[in-house]
Amino acid sequence: MSPDEEQLKKLLNQSAPVTDEDKALQQVLRKSTNTTAIKDVGSLFVGWFWVLLLGFGASAYSAKRRFDLRQKQKQKQKQIITNKK
């Protein structure tokens, strides 16, 4: 018999370490609950951030459009005044 076979037989004869399955399950559930809670709170803040960012962007866009419209109106008025002279 080779040394590898002897070592494998010894490993097979050894008993598996005793684990408390309930304790392990509770630990896994606790970790998954914490991870889920962190993801939920994080996604809430990211969602609010996007809402604010999009709100500011839309507000800036509409302000820019109003500014451009006023500038065009002023240019048209200047052209009308200069054409009358």
C-alpha atoms as a PDB file:
ATOM      1  CA  MET A   1       0.000   0.000   0.000  1.00  0.00           C
ATOM      2  CA  SER A   2       1.354   3.411  -0.922  1.00  0.00           C
ATOM      3  CA  PRO A   3       1.698   6.238   1.611  1.00  0.00           C
ATOM      4  CA  ASP A   4      -1.050   8.163  -0.193  1.00  0.00           C
ATOM      5  CA  GLU A   5      -3.512   5.315   0.264  1.00  0.00           C
ATOM      6  CA  GLU A   6      -2.682   5.039   3.949  1.00  0.00           C
ATOM      7  CA  GLN A   7      -3.215   8.747   4.397  1.00  0.00           C
ATOM      8  CA  LEU A   8      -6.573   8.561   2.610  1.00  0.00           C
ATOM      9  CA  LYS A   9      -7.678   5.644   4.812  1.00  0.00           C
ATOM     10  CA  LYS A  10      -6.750   7.619   7.934  1.00  0.00           C
ATOM     11  CA  LEU A  11      -8.790  10.593   6.677  1.00  0.00           C
ATOM     12  CA  LEU A  12     -11.779   8.346   5.958  1.00  0.00           C
ATOM     13  CA  ASN A  13     -11.637   6.818   9.426  1.00  0.00           C
ATOM     14  CA  GLN A  14     -11.550  10.186  11.147  1.00  0.00           C
ATOM     15  CA  SER A  15     -14.895  11.551  12.167  1.00  0.00           C
ATOM     16  CA  ALA A  16     -16.104  14.864  10.859  1.00  0.00           C
ATOM     17  CA  PRO A  17     -15.971  17.755  13.297  1.00  0.00           C
ATOM     18  CA  VAL A  18     -19.219  18.315  15.137  1.00  0.00           C
ATOM     19  CA  THR A  19     -20.967  21.535  14.136  1.00  0.00           C
ATOM     20  CA  ASP A  20     -24.014  23.148  15.620  1.00  0.00           C
ATOM     21  CA  GLU A  21     -26.268  23.540  12.600  1.00  0.00           C
ATOM     22  CA  ASP A  22     -28.740  25.818  14.360  1.00  0.00           C
ATOM     23  CA  LYS A  23     -25.976  28.179  15.409  1.00  0.00           C
ATOM     24  CA  ALA A  24     -24.506  28.173  11.906  1.00  0.00           C
ATOM     25  CA  LEU A  25     -27.943  28.838  10.403  1.00  0.00           C
ATOM     26  CA  GLN A  26     -28.571  31.739  12.787  1.00  0.00           C
ATOM     27  CA  GLN A  27     -25.198  33.219  11.905  1.00  0.00           C
ATOM     28  CA  VAL A  28     -25.899  33.001   8.180  1.00  0.00           C
ATOM     29  CA  LEU A  29     -29.361  34.517   8.637  1.00  0.00           C
ATOM     30  CA  ARG A  30     -27.963  37.365  10.745  1.00  0.00           C
ATOM     31  CA  LYS A  31     -25.298  38.176   8.146  1.00  0.00           C
ATOM     32  CA  SER A  32     -27.765  38.028   5.260  1.00  0.00           C
ATOM     33  CA  THR A  33     -30.233  40.231   7.143  1.00  0.00           C
ATOM     34  CA  ASN A  34     -27.525  42.821   7.788  1.00  0.00           C
ATOM     35  CA  THR A  35     -26.405  42.731   4.173  1.00  0.00           C
ATOM     36  CA  THR A  36     -29.974  43.132   2.932  1.00  0.00           C
ATOM     37  CA  ALA A  37     -30.602  46.033   5.322  1.00  0.00           C
ATOM     38  CA  ILE A  38     -27.451  47.821   4.189  1.00  0.00           C
ATOM     39  CA  LYS A  39     -28.394  47.372   0.535  1.00  0.00           C
ATOM     40  CA  ASP A  40     -31.934  48.633   1.149  1.00  0.00           C
ATOM     41  CA  VAL A  41     -30.790  51.766   2.978  1.00  0.00           C
ATOM     42  CA  GLY A  42     -28.069  52.382   0.405  1.00  0.00           C
ATOM     43  CA  SER A  43     -30.489  52.072  -2.487  1.00  0.00           C
ATOM     44  CA  LEU A  44     -32.872  54.486  -0.746  1.00  0.00           C
ATOM     45  CA  PHE A  45     -30.161  57.129  -0.475  1.00  0.00           C
ATOM     46  CA  VAL A  46     -28.959  56.536  -4.035  1.00  0.00           C
ATOM     47  CA  GLY A  47     -32.556  56.868  -5.259  1.00  0.00           C
ATOM     48  CA  TRP A  48     -33.028  60.184  -3.452  1.00  0.00           C
ATOM     49  CA  PHE A  49     -29.698  61.404  -4.783  1.00  0.00           C
ATOM     50  CA  TRP A  50     -30.807  60.670  -8.355  1.00  0.00           C
ATOM     51  CA  VAL A  51     -34.138  62.406  -7.775  1.00  0.00           C
ATOM     52  CA  LEU A  52     -32.370  65.519  -6.512  1.00  0.00           C
ATOM     53  CA  LEU A  53     -29.794  65.408  -9.276  1.00  0.00           C
ATOM     54  CA  LEU A  54     -32.427  65.039 -11.990  1.00  0.00           C
ATOM     55  CA  GLY A  55     -34.521  67.776 -10.384  1.00  0.00           C
ATOM     56  CA  PHE A  56     -31.606  70.196 -10.402  1.00  0.00           C
ATOM     57  CA  GLY A  57     -30.748  69.210 -13.949  1.00  0.00           C
ATOM     58  CA  ALA A  58     -34.296  69.766 -15.181  1.00  0.00           C
ATOM     59  CA  SER A  59     -34.466  73.073 -13.354  1.00  0.00           C
ATOM     60  CA  ALA A  60     -31.181  74.246 -14.836  1.00  0.00           C
ATOM     61  CA  TYR A  61     -32.279  73.123 -18.301  1.00  0.00           C
ATOM     62  CA  SER A  62     -35.549  75.053 -18.130  1.00  0.00           C
ATOM     63  CA  ALA A  63     -33.747  78.126 -16.740  1.00  0.00           C
ATOM     64  CA  LYS A  64     -31.268  77.988 -19.632  1.00  0.00           C
ATOM     65  CA  ARG A  65     -34.111  77.734 -22.157  1.00  0.00           C
ATOM     66  CA  ARG A  66     -35.882  80.748 -20.625  1.00  0.00           C
ATOM     67  CA  PHE A  67     -32.613  82.703 -20.674  1.00  0.00           C
ATOM     68  CA  ASP A  68     -32.033  81.835 -24.328  1.00  0.00           C
ATOM     69  CA  LEU A  69     -35.586  82.855 -25.249  1.00  0.00           C
ATOM     70  CA  ARG A  70     -35.135  86.220 -23.517  1.00  0.00           C
ATOM     71  CA  GLN A  71     -31.847  86.769 -25.317  1.00  0.00           C
ATOM     72  CA  LYS A  72     -33.483  86.038 -28.682  1.00  0.00           C
ATOM     73  CA  GLN A  73     -36.322  88.436 -27.900  1.00  0.00           C
ATOM     74  CA  LYS A  74     -33.830  91.179 -26.996  1.00  0.00           C
ATOM     75  CA  GLN A  75     -31.907  90.583 -30.227  1.00  0.00           C
ATOM     76  CA  LYS A  76     -35.118  90.775 -32.258  1.00  0.00           C
ATOM     77  CA  GLN A  77     -36.064  94.047 -30.549  1.00  0.00           C
ATOM     78  CA  LYS A  78     -32.610  95.473 -31.270  1.00  0.00           C
ATOM     79  CA  GLN A  79     -32.895  94.441 -34.921  1.00  0.00           C
ATOM     80  CA  ILE A  80     -36.320  96.070 -35.181  1.00  0.00           C
ATOM     81  CA  ILE A  81     -35.009  99.290 -33.620  1.00  0.00           C
ATOM     82  CA  THR A  82     -31.930  99.379 -35.856  1.00  0.00           C
ATOM     83  CA  ASN A  83     -34.046  98.662 -38.979  1.00  0.00           C
ATOM     84  CA  LYS A  84     -36.371 101.595 -38.174  1.00  0.00           C
ATOM     85  CA  LYS A  85     -33.478 104.047 -38.103  1.00  0.00           C
END
